[in-house]
Amino acid sequence: MAYFSVLAVTPTSEDWIPDYIGPANKLVARYGGKYLARTSSHEQLEGDAQDAALRIVIEWPSREAAVNFMNDLEYAPHLKARTAGSNSFHFLIEGKDDLA
């Protein structure tokens, strides 16, 4: 079953970004992930304002793939740089409809 990473990222420093993109792209692909959106073009339609510079959506083939990506030792320094250089919120969502 597909899973989706939904992230809200607001950089507090841009120093980490150039060294992050290439390795993250490679590792996402290694775990079967596919970027569906990586954009600063978004708007909030409901609820209390939750500003974020970037919204990112990644489709994963399974929960295990997403978790393995996040726990990959090759990704660890990039994750550390991203979290140190941004305000980031990452949600992992199972691709199912519990209300159907």
PDB file of N, CA and C in Angstrom:
ATOM      1  N   MET A   1       0.831  -1.174   0.000  1.00  0.00           N
ATOM      2  CA  MET A   1       0.000   0.000   0.000  1.00  0.00           C
ATOM      3  C   MET A   1       0.877   1.239   0.000  1.00  0.00           C
ATOM      4  N   ALA A   2       0.490   2.242  -0.756  1.00  0.00           N
ATOM      5  CA  ALA A   2       1.256   3.479  -0.851  1.00  0.00           C
ATOM      6  C   ALA A   2       1.160   4.271   0.446  1.00  0.00           C
ATOM      7  N   TYR A   3       2.220   4.980   0.723  1.00  0.00           N
ATOM      8  CA  TYR A   3       2.286   5.942   1.822  1.00  0.00           C
ATOM      9  C   TYR A   3       2.761   7.264   1.244  1.00  0.00           C
ATOM     10  N   PHE A   4       2.437   8.345   1.929  1.00  0.00           N
ATOM     11  CA  PHE A   4       2.805   9.668   1.463  1.00  0.00           C
ATOM     12  C   PHE A   4       3.485  10.440   2.583  1.00  0.00           C
ATOM     13  N   SER A   5       4.645  10.997   2.284  1.00  0.00           N
ATOM     14  CA  SER A   5       5.288  11.958   3.170  1.00  0.00           C
ATOM     15  C   SER A   5       4.777  13.325   2.768  1.00  0.00           C
ATOM     16  N   VAL A   6       4.278  14.058   3.745  1.00  0.00           N
ATOM     17  CA  VAL A   6       3.812  15.424   3.521  1.00  0.00           C
ATOM     18  C   VAL A   6       4.624  16.302   4.465  1.00  0.00           C
ATOM     19  N   LEU A   7       5.386  17.209   3.881  1.00  0.00           N
ATOM     20  CA  LEU A   7       6.281  18.048   4.669  1.00  0.00           C
ATOM     21  C   LEU A   7       5.956  19.522   4.485  1.00  0.00           C
ATOM     22  N   ALA A   8       6.148  20.272   5.549  1.00  0.00           N
ATOM     23  CA  ALA A   8       6.124  21.728   5.532  1.00  0.00           C
ATOM     24  C   ALA A   8       7.510  22.160   6.000  1.00  0.00           C
ATOM     25  N   VAL A   9       8.225  22.881   5.154  1.00  0.00           N
ATOM     26  CA  VAL A   9       9.611  23.243   5.458  1.00  0.00           C
ATOM     27  C   VAL A   9       9.802  24.743   5.235  1.00  0.00           C
ATOM     28  N   THR A  10      10.300  25.404   6.268  1.00  0.00           N
ATOM     29  CA  THR A  10      10.661  26.811   6.162  1.00  0.00           C
ATOM     30  C   THR A  10      12.129  26.944   6.543  1.00  0.00           C
ATOM     31  N   PRO A  11      12.996  27.182   5.561  1.00  0.00           N
ATOM     32  CA  PRO A  11      14.420  27.334   5.876  1.00  0.00           C
ATOM     33  C   PRO A  11      14.674  28.537   6.789  1.00  0.00           C
ATOM     34  N   THR A  12      15.524  28.330   7.775  1.00  0.00           N
ATOM     35  CA  THR A  12      15.995  29.428   8.613  1.00  0.00           C
ATOM     36  C   THR A  12      17.389  29.841   8.153  1.00  0.00           C
ATOM     37  N   SER A  13      17.995  28.995   7.339  1.00  0.00           N
ATOM     38  CA  SER A  13      19.269  29.229   6.681  1.00  0.00           C
ATOM     39  C   SER A  13      19.210  28.476   5.358  1.00  0.00           C
ATOM     40  N   GLU A  14      19.834  29.012   4.341  1.00  0.00           N
ATOM     41  CA  GLU A  14      19.840  28.313   3.047  1.00  0.00           C
ATOM     42  C   GLU A  14      21.165  27.601   2.796  1.00  0.00           C
ATOM     43  N   ASP A  15      22.068  27.616   3.765  1.00  0.00           N
ATOM     44  CA  ASP A  15      23.393  27.021   3.600  1.00  0.00           C
ATOM     45  C   ASP A  15      23.334  25.524   3.297  1.00  0.00           C
ATOM     46  N   TRP A  16      22.384  24.804   3.840  1.00  0.00           N
ATOM     47  CA  TRP A  16      22.290  23.354   3.711  1.00  0.00           C
ATOM     48  C   TRP A  16      21.670  22.911   2.389  1.00  0.00           C
ATOM     49  N   ILE A  17      20.914  23.787   1.733  1.00  0.00           N
ATOM     50  CA  ILE A  17      20.096  23.388   0.583  1.00  0.00           C
ATOM     51  C   ILE A  17      20.916  22.849  -0.595  1.00  0.00           C
ATOM     52  N   PRO A  18      21.975  23.521  -1.061  1.00  0.00           N
ATOM     53  CA  PRO A  18      22.713  22.990  -2.216  1.00  0.00           C
ATOM     54  C   PRO A  18      23.282  21.583  -2.004  1.00  0.00           C
ATOM     55  N   ASP A  19      23.731  21.288  -0.780  1.00  0.00           N
ATOM     56  CA  ASP A  19      24.288  19.964  -0.487  1.00  0.00           C
ATOM     57  C   ASP A  19      23.222  18.932  -0.178  1.00  0.00           C
ATOM     58  N   TYR A  20      21.984  19.354  -0.029  1.00  0.00           N
ATOM     59  CA  TYR A  20      20.893  18.460   0.337  1.00  0.00           C
ATOM     60  C   TYR A  20      20.177  17.862  -0.875  1.00  0.00           C
ATOM     61  N   ILE A  21      19.898  18.669  -1.874  1.00  0.00           N
ATOM     62  CA  ILE A  21      19.017  18.284  -2.981  1.00  0.00           C
ATOM     63  C   ILE A  21      19.490  17.031  -3.708  1.00  0.00           C
ATOM     64  N   GLY A  22      20.714  16.994  -4.159  1.00  0.00           N
ATOM     65  CA  GLY A  22      21.224  15.845  -4.923  1.00  0.00           C
ATOM     66  C   GLY A  22      21.163  14.534  -4.147  1.00  0.00           C
ATOM     67  N   PRO A  23      21.758  14.479  -2.955  1.00  0.00           N
ATOM     68  CA  PRO A  23      21.696  13.243  -2.185  1.00  0.00           C
ATOM     69  C   PRO A  23      20.273  12.832  -1.811  1.00  0.00           C
ATOM     70  N   ALA A  24      19.429  13.803  -1.461  1.00  0.00           N
ATOM     71  CA  ALA A  24      18.039  13.462  -1.120  1.00  0.00           C
ATOM     72  C   ALA A  24      17.324  12.876  -2.328  1.00  0.00           C
ATOM     73  N   ASN A  25      17.502  13.481  -3.497  1.00  0.00           N
ATOM     74  CA  ASN A  25      16.880  12.946  -4.717  1.00  0.00           C
ATOM     75  C   ASN A  25      17.299  11.496  -4.950  1.00  0.00           C
ATOM     76  N   LYS A  26      18.591  11.233  -4.821  1.00  0.00           N
ATOM     77  CA  LYS A  26      19.123   9.891  -5.057  1.00  0.00           C
ATOM     78  C   LYS A  26      18.552   8.884  -4.060  1.00  0.00           C
ATOM     79  N   LEU A  27      18.493   9.266  -2.798  1.00  0.00           N
ATOM     80  CA  LEU A  27      18.021   8.348  -1.771  1.00  0.00           C
ATOM     81  C   LEU A  27      16.515   8.126  -1.844  1.00  0.00           C
ATOM     82  N   VAL A  28      15.762   9.157  -2.151  1.00  0.00           N
ATOM     83  CA  VAL A  28      14.320   8.977  -2.337  1.00  0.00           C
ATOM     84  C   VAL A  28      14.084   7.951  -3.436  1.00  0.00           C
ATOM     85  N   ALA A  29      14.778   8.105  -4.559  1.00  0.00           N
ATOM     86  CA  ALA A  29      14.636   7.164  -5.677  1.00  0.00           C
ATOM     87  C   ALA A  29      15.080   5.760  -5.284  1.00  0.00           C
ATOM     88  N   ARG A  30      16.150   5.651  -4.512  1.00  0.00           N
ATOM     89  CA  ARG A  30      16.651   4.340  -4.078  1.00  0.00           C
ATOM     90  C   ARG A  30      15.572   3.556  -3.320  1.00  0.00           C
ATOM     91  N   TYR A  31      14.753   4.262  -2.546  1.00  0.00           N
ATOM     92  CA  TYR A  31      13.716   3.606  -1.755  1.00  0.00           C
ATOM     93  C   TYR A  31      12.359   3.580  -2.460  1.00  0.00           C
ATOM     94  N   GLY A  32      12.370   3.875  -3.758  1.00  0.00           N
ATOM     95  CA  GLY A  32      11.143   3.798  -4.540  1.00  0.00           C
ATOM     96  C   GLY A  32      10.225   4.983  -4.380  1.00  0.00           C
ATOM     97  N   GLY A  33      10.727   6.058  -3.774  1.00  0.00           N
ATOM     98  CA  GLY A  33       9.914   7.248  -3.589  1.00  0.00           C
ATOM     99  C   GLY A  33       9.839   8.078  -4.851  1.00  0.00           C
ATOM    100  N   LYS A  34       8.787   8.846  -4.943  1.00  0.00           N
ATOM    101  CA  LYS A  34       8.575   9.725  -6.099  1.00  0.00           C
ATOM    102  C   LYS A  34       8.044  11.060  -5.581  1.00  0.00           C
ATOM    103  N   TYR A  35       8.752  12.142  -5.933  1.00  0.00           N
ATOM    104  CA  TYR A  35       8.272  13.465  -5.558  1.00  0.00           C
ATOM    105  C   TYR A  35       7.028  13.794  -6.375  1.00  0.00           C
ATOM    106  N   LEU A  36       5.926  14.099  -5.696  1.00  0.00           N
ATOM    107  CA  LEU A  36       4.705  14.534  -6.364  1.00  0.00           C
ATOM    108  C   LEU A  36       4.613  16.054  -6.380  1.00  0.00           C
ATOM    109  N   ALA A  37       5.204  16.686  -5.373  1.00  0.00           N
ATOM    110  CA  ALA A  37       5.238  18.148  -5.309  1.00  0.00           C
ATOM    111  C   ALA A  37       6.395  18.586  -4.444  1.00  0.00           C
ATOM    112  N   ARG A  38       7.103  19.618  -4.903  1.00  0.00           N
ATOM    113  CA  ARG A  38       8.114  20.331  -4.119  1.00  0.00           C
ATOM    114  C   ARG A  38       7.983  21.780  -4.563  1.00  0.00           C
ATOM    115  N   THR A  39       7.249  22.561  -3.799  1.00  0.00           N
ATOM    116  CA  THR A  39       6.906  23.881  -4.310  1.00  0.00           C
ATOM    117  C   THR A  39       6.714  24.920  -3.223  1.00  0.00           C
ATOM    118  N   SER A  40       6.963  26.151  -3.597  1.00  0.00           N
ATOM    119  CA  SER A  40       6.629  27.283  -2.743  1.00  0.00           C
ATOM    120  C   SER A  40       5.280  27.863  -3.156  1.00  0.00           C
ATOM    121  N   SER A  41       4.671  27.298  -4.178  1.00  0.00           N
ATOM    122  CA  SER A  41       3.374  27.747  -4.669  1.00  0.00           C
ATOM    123  C   SER A  41       2.270  26.922  -4.006  1.00  0.00           C
ATOM    124  N   HIS A  42       1.741  27.440  -2.909  1.00  0.00           N
ATOM    125  CA  HIS A  42       0.684  26.753  -2.169  1.00  0.00           C
ATOM    126  C   HIS A  42      -0.110  27.776  -1.385  1.00  0.00           C
ATOM    127  N   GLU A  43      -1.311  27.416  -1.028  1.00  0.00           N
ATOM    128  CA  GLU A  43      -2.128  28.298  -0.208  1.00  0.00           C
ATOM    129  C   GLU A  43      -2.940  27.465   0.765  1.00  0.00           C
ATOM    130  N   GLN A  44      -3.173  28.013   1.929  1.00  0.00           N
ATOM    131  CA  GLN A  44      -3.959  27.340   2.954  1.00  0.00           C
ATOM    132  C   GLN A  44      -5.408  27.773   2.794  1.00  0.00           C
ATOM    133  N   LEU A  45      -6.302  26.818   2.700  1.00  0.00           N
ATOM    134  CA  LEU A  45      -7.709  27.109   2.472  1.00  0.00           C
ATOM    135  C   LEU A  45      -8.564  27.027   3.729  1.00  0.00           C
ATOM    136  N   GLU A  46      -8.010  26.450   4.799  1.00  0.00           N
ATOM    137  CA  GLU A  46      -8.818  26.235   5.990  1.00  0.00           C
ATOM    138  C   GLU A  46      -7.933  26.208   7.224  1.00  0.00           C
ATOM    139  N   GLY A  47      -8.489  26.581   8.371  1.00  0.00           N
ATOM    140  CA  GLY A  47      -7.804  26.453   9.657  1.00  0.00           C
ATOM    141  C   GLY A  47      -6.907  27.625   9.989  1.00  0.00           C
ATOM    142  N   ASP A  48      -6.322  27.545  11.193  1.00  0.00           N
ATOM    143  CA  ASP A  48      -5.394  28.570  11.653  1.00  0.00           C
ATOM    144  C   ASP A  48      -4.165  28.583  10.755  1.00  0.00           C
ATOM    145  N   ALA A  49      -3.650  29.756  10.491  1.00  0.00           N
ATOM    146  CA  ALA A  49      -2.508  29.910   9.591  1.00  0.00           C
ATOM    147  C   ALA A  49      -1.324  29.075  10.063  1.00  0.00           C
ATOM    148  N   GLN A  50      -0.770  28.319   9.160  1.00  0.00           N
ATOM    149  CA  GLN A  50       0.435  27.525   9.403  1.00  0.00           C
ATOM    150  C   GLN A  50       1.377  27.777   8.236  1.00  0.00           C
ATOM    151  N   ASP A  51       2.130  28.847   8.353  1.00  0.00           N
ATOM    152  CA  ASP A  51       3.013  29.252   7.276  1.00  0.00           C
ATOM    153  C   ASP A  51       4.126  28.234   7.056  1.00  0.00           C
ATOM    154  N   ALA A  52       4.469  28.041   5.813  1.00  0.00           N
ATOM    155  CA  ALA A  52       5.618  27.226   5.430  1.00  0.00           C
ATOM    156  C   ALA A  52       6.094  27.728   4.080  1.00  0.00           C
ATOM    157  N   ALA A  53       7.391  27.840   3.925  1.00  0.00           N
ATOM    158  CA  ALA A  53       7.940  28.302   2.655  1.00  0.00           C
ATOM    159  C   ALA A  53       7.747  27.256   1.560  1.00  0.00           C
ATOM    160  N   LEU A  54       7.899  25.982   1.927  1.00  0.00           N
ATOM    161  CA  LEU A  54       7.816  24.892   0.953  1.00  0.00           C
ATOM    162  C   LEU A  54       6.854  23.823   1.437  1.00  0.00           C
ATOM    163  N   ARG A  55       6.145  23.243   0.502  1.00  0.00           N
ATOM    164  CA  ARG A  55       5.328  22.060   0.774  1.00  0.00           C
ATOM    165  C   ARG A  55       5.870  20.962  -0.130  1.00  0.00           C
ATOM    166  N   ILE A  56       6.067  19.802   0.454  1.00  0.00           N
ATOM    167  CA  ILE A  56       6.670  18.673  -0.263  1.00  0.00           C
ATOM    168  C   ILE A  56       5.792  17.455  -0.054  1.00  0.00           C
ATOM    169  N   VAL A  57       5.515  16.741  -1.136  1.00  0.00           N
ATOM    170  CA  VAL A  57       4.750  15.504  -1.070  1.00  0.00           C
ATOM    171  C   VAL A  57       5.551  14.433  -1.803  1.00  0.00           C
ATOM    172  N   ILE A  58       5.817  13.328  -1.100  1.00  0.00           N
ATOM    173  CA  ILE A  58       6.551  12.191  -1.678  1.00  0.00           C
ATOM    174  C   ILE A  58       5.671  10.962  -1.565  1.00  0.00           C
ATOM    175  N   GLU A  59       5.530  10.239  -2.650  1.00  0.00           N
ATOM    176  CA  GLU A  59       4.804   8.967  -2.631  1.00  0.00           C
ATOM    177  C   GLU A  59       5.813   7.840  -2.438  1.00  0.00           C
ATOM    178  N   TRP A  60       5.505   6.939  -1.509  1.00  0.00           N
ATOM    179  CA  TRP A  60       6.350   5.782  -1.211  1.00  0.00           C
ATOM    180  C   TRP A  60       5.589   4.502  -1.527  1.00  0.00           C
ATOM    181  N   PRO A  61       6.283   3.439  -1.924  1.00  0.00           N
ATOM    182  CA  PRO A  61       5.592   2.181  -2.198  1.00  0.00           C
ATOM    183  C   PRO A  61       5.101   1.474  -0.941  1.00  0.00           C
ATOM    184  N   SER A  62       5.660   1.844   0.214  1.00  0.00           N
ATOM    185  CA  SER A  62       5.279   1.191   1.472  1.00  0.00           C
ATOM    186  C   SER A  62       5.747   2.056   2.641  1.00  0.00           C
ATOM    187  N   ARG A  63       5.223   1.747   3.819  1.00  0.00           N
ATOM    188  CA  ARG A  63       5.674   2.422   5.035  1.00  0.00           C
ATOM    189  C   ARG A  63       7.151   2.120   5.272  1.00  0.00           C
ATOM    190  N   GLU A  64       7.520   0.868   5.038  1.00  0.00           N
ATOM    191  CA  GLU A  64       8.904   0.449   5.266  1.00  0.00           C
ATOM    192  C   GLU A  64       9.872   1.259   4.412  1.00  0.00           C
ATOM    193  N   ALA A  65       9.503   1.521   3.171  1.00  0.00           N
ATOM    194  CA  ALA A  65      10.377   2.304   2.295  1.00  0.00           C
ATOM    195  C   ALA A  65      10.600   3.703   2.863  1.00  0.00           C
ATOM    196  N   ALA A  66       9.533   4.336   3.323  1.00  0.00           N
ATOM    197  CA  ALA A  66       9.650   5.682   3.889  1.00  0.00           C
ATOM    198  C   ALA A  66      10.503   5.679   5.149  1.00  0.00           C
ATOM    199  N   VAL A  67      10.260   4.729   6.028  1.00  0.00           N
ATOM    200  CA  VAL A  67      11.015   4.650   7.281  1.00  0.00           C
ATOM    201  C   VAL A  67      12.478   4.303   7.005  1.00  0.00           C
ATOM    202  N   ASN A  68      12.711   3.398   6.084  1.00  0.00           N
ATOM    203  CA  ASN A  68      14.092   3.039   5.739  1.00  0.00           C
ATOM    204  C   ASN A  68      14.845   4.232   5.149  1.00  0.00           C
ATOM    205  N   PHE A  69      14.173   5.030   4.341  1.00  0.00           N
ATOM    206  CA  PHE A  69      14.790   6.254   3.819  1.00  0.00           C
ATOM    207  C   PHE A  69      15.190   7.167   4.979  1.00  0.00           C
ATOM    208  N   MET A  70      14.258   7.417   5.884  1.00  0.00           N
ATOM    209  CA  MET A  70      14.542   8.319   6.997  1.00  0.00           C
ATOM    210  C   MET A  70      15.664   7.799   7.896  1.00  0.00           C
ATOM    211  N   ASN A  71      15.805   6.478   7.997  1.00  0.00           N
ATOM    212  CA  ASN A  71      16.815   5.874   8.865  1.00  0.00           C
ATOM    213  C   ASN A  71      18.120   5.532   8.154  1.00  0.00           C
ATOM    214  N   ASP A  72      18.211   5.812   6.864  1.00  0.00           N
ATOM    215  CA  ASP A  72      19.414   5.488   6.094  1.00  0.00           C
ATOM    216  C   ASP A  72      20.598   6.301   6.624  1.00  0.00           C
ATOM    217  N   LEU A  73      21.690   5.621   6.917  1.00  0.00           N
ATOM    218  CA  LEU A  73      22.871   6.303   7.458  1.00  0.00           C
ATOM    219  C   LEU A  73      23.440   7.320   6.479  1.00  0.00           C
ATOM    220  N   GLU A  74      23.252   7.091   5.186  1.00  0.00           N
ATOM    221  CA  GLU A  74      23.716   8.046   4.179  1.00  0.00           C
ATOM    222  C   GLU A  74      22.875   9.334   4.217  1.00  0.00           C
ATOM    223  N   TYR A  75      21.621   9.211   4.627  1.00  0.00           N
ATOM    224  CA  TYR A  75      20.747  10.373   4.713  1.00  0.00           C
ATOM    225  C   TYR A  75      20.943  11.145   6.021  1.00  0.00           C
ATOM    226  N   ALA A  76      21.431  10.498   7.052  1.00  0.00           N
ATOM    227  CA  ALA A  76      21.519  11.092   8.389  1.00  0.00           C
ATOM    228  C   ALA A  76      22.153  12.485   8.418  1.00  0.00           C
ATOM    229  N   PRO A  77      23.301  12.725   7.769  1.00  0.00           N
ATOM    230  CA  PRO A  77      23.866  14.077   7.859  1.00  0.00           C
ATOM    231  C   PRO A  77      23.015  15.123   7.135  1.00  0.00           C
ATOM    232  N   HIS A  78      22.300  14.698   6.102  1.00  0.00           N
ATOM    233  CA  HIS A  78      21.448  15.632   5.362  1.00  0.00           C
ATOM    234  C   HIS A  78      20.179  15.957   6.156  1.00  0.00           C
ATOM    235  N   LEU A  79      19.639  14.949   6.823  1.00  0.00           N
ATOM    236  CA  LEU A  79      18.495  15.172   7.697  1.00  0.00           C
ATOM    237  C   LEU A  79      18.879  16.119   8.830  1.00  0.00           C
ATOM    238  N   LYS A  80      20.043  15.892   9.407  1.00  0.00           N
ATOM    239  CA  LYS A  80      20.528  16.751  10.488  1.00  0.00           C
ATOM    240  C   LYS A  80      20.686  18.194   9.994  1.00  0.00           C
ATOM    241  N   ALA A  81      21.236  18.364   8.797  1.00  0.00           N
ATOM    242  CA  ALA A  81      21.414  19.708   8.239  1.00  0.00           C
ATOM    243  C   ALA A  81      20.070  20.371   7.964  1.00  0.00           C
ATOM    244  N   ARG A  82      19.116  19.596   7.421  1.00  0.00           N
ATOM    245  CA  ARG A  82      17.793  20.164   7.131  1.00  0.00           C
ATOM    246  C   ARG A  82      17.082  20.584   8.404  1.00  0.00           C
ATOM    247  N   THR A  83      17.093  19.720   9.407  1.00  0.00           N
ATOM    248  CA  THR A  83      16.383  20.057  10.639  1.00  0.00           C
ATOM    249  C   THR A  83      17.071  21.192  11.406  1.00  0.00           C
ATOM    250  N   ALA A  84      18.394  21.289  11.284  1.00  0.00           N
ATOM    251  CA  ALA A  84      19.112  22.395  11.938  1.00  0.00           C
ATOM    252  C   ALA A  84      18.900  23.712  11.194  1.00  0.00           C
ATOM    253  N   GLY A  85      18.697  23.627   9.874  1.00  0.00           N
ATOM    254  CA  GLY A  85      18.588  24.835   9.058  1.00  0.00           C
ATOM    255  C   GLY A  85      17.179  25.172   8.618  1.00  0.00           C
ATOM    256  N   SER A  86      16.190  24.583   9.294  1.00  0.00           N
ATOM    257  CA  SER A  86      14.805  24.876   8.908  1.00  0.00           C
ATOM    258  C   SER A  86      13.857  24.522  10.043  1.00  0.00           C
ATOM    259  N   ASN A  87      12.658  25.016   9.912  1.00  0.00           N
ATOM    260  CA  ASN A  87      11.549  24.523  10.711  1.00  0.00           C
ATOM    261  C   ASN A  87      10.838  23.520   9.809  1.00  0.00           C
ATOM    262  N   SER A  88      10.837  22.264  10.202  1.00  0.00           N
ATOM    263  CA  SER A  88      10.309  21.206   9.346  1.00  0.00           C
ATOM    264  C   SER A  88       9.291  20.363  10.106  1.00  0.00           C
ATOM    265  N   PHE A  89       8.228  20.024   9.405  1.00  0.00           N
ATOM    266  CA  PHE A  89       7.199  19.134   9.929  1.00  0.00           C
ATOM    267  C   PHE A  89       6.966  18.061   8.881  1.00  0.00           C
ATOM    268  N   HIS A  90       7.044  16.807   9.285  1.00  0.00           N
ATOM    269  CA  HIS A  90       6.956  15.677   8.360  1.00  0.00           C
ATOM    270  C   HIS A  90       5.893  14.727   8.872  1.00  0.00           C
ATOM    271  N   PHE A  91       4.894  14.486   8.028  1.00  0.00           N
ATOM    272  CA  PHE A  91       3.827  13.552   8.347  1.00  0.00           C
ATOM    273  C   PHE A  91       3.895  12.401   7.371  1.00  0.00           C
ATOM    274  N   LEU A  92       3.749  11.183   7.862  1.00  0.00           N
ATOM    275  CA  LEU A  92       3.673   9.998   7.013  1.00  0.00           C
ATOM    276  C   LEU A  92       2.231   9.520   7.031  1.00  0.00           C
ATOM    277  N   ILE A  93       1.618   9.473   5.860  1.00  0.00           N
ATOM    278  CA  ILE A  93       0.186   9.200   5.747  1.00  0.00           C
ATOM    279  C   ILE A  93      -0.032   7.938   4.928  1.00  0.00           C
ATOM    280  N   GLU A  94      -0.788   7.010   5.489  1.00  0.00           N
ATOM    281  CA  GLU A  94      -1.134   5.791   4.778  1.00  0.00           C
ATOM    282  C   GLU A  94      -2.156   6.119   3.696  1.00  0.00           C
ATOM    283  N   GLY A  95      -1.940   5.588   2.496  1.00  0.00           N
ATOM    284  CA  GLY A  95      -2.814   5.870   1.360  1.00  0.00           C
ATOM    285  C   GLY A  95      -4.055   5.005   1.375  1.00  0.00           C
ATOM    286  N   LYS A  96      -4.930   5.271   2.335  1.00  0.00           N
ATOM    287  CA  LYS A  96      -6.187   4.518   2.421  1.00  0.00           C
ATOM    288  C   LYS A  96      -7.279   5.448   2.914  1.00  0.00           C
ATOM    289  N   ASP A  97      -8.511   5.008   2.755  1.00  0.00           N
ATOM    290  CA  ASP A  97      -9.661   5.811   3.170  1.00  0.00           C
ATOM    291  C   ASP A  97     -10.391   5.060   4.278  1.00  0.00           C
ATOM    292  N   ASP A  98     -10.150   5.459   5.520  1.00  0.00           N
ATOM    293  CA  ASP A  98     -10.796   4.822   6.661  1.00  0.00           C
ATOM    294  C   ASP A  98     -12.285   5.160   6.772  1.00  0.00           C
ATOM    295  N   LEU A  99     -12.739   6.128   6.015  1.00  0.00           N
ATOM    296  CA  LEU A  99     -14.131   6.567   6.108  1.00  0.00           C
ATOM    297  C   LEU A  99     -14.998   6.052   4.960  1.00  0.00           C
ATOM    298  N   ALA A 100     -14.412   5.273   4.083  1.00  0.00           N
ATOM    299  CA  ALA A 100     -15.168   4.749   2.941  1.00  0.00           C
ATOM    300  C   ALA A 100     -16.136   3.664   3.386  1.00  0.00           C
TER     301      ALA A 100
END
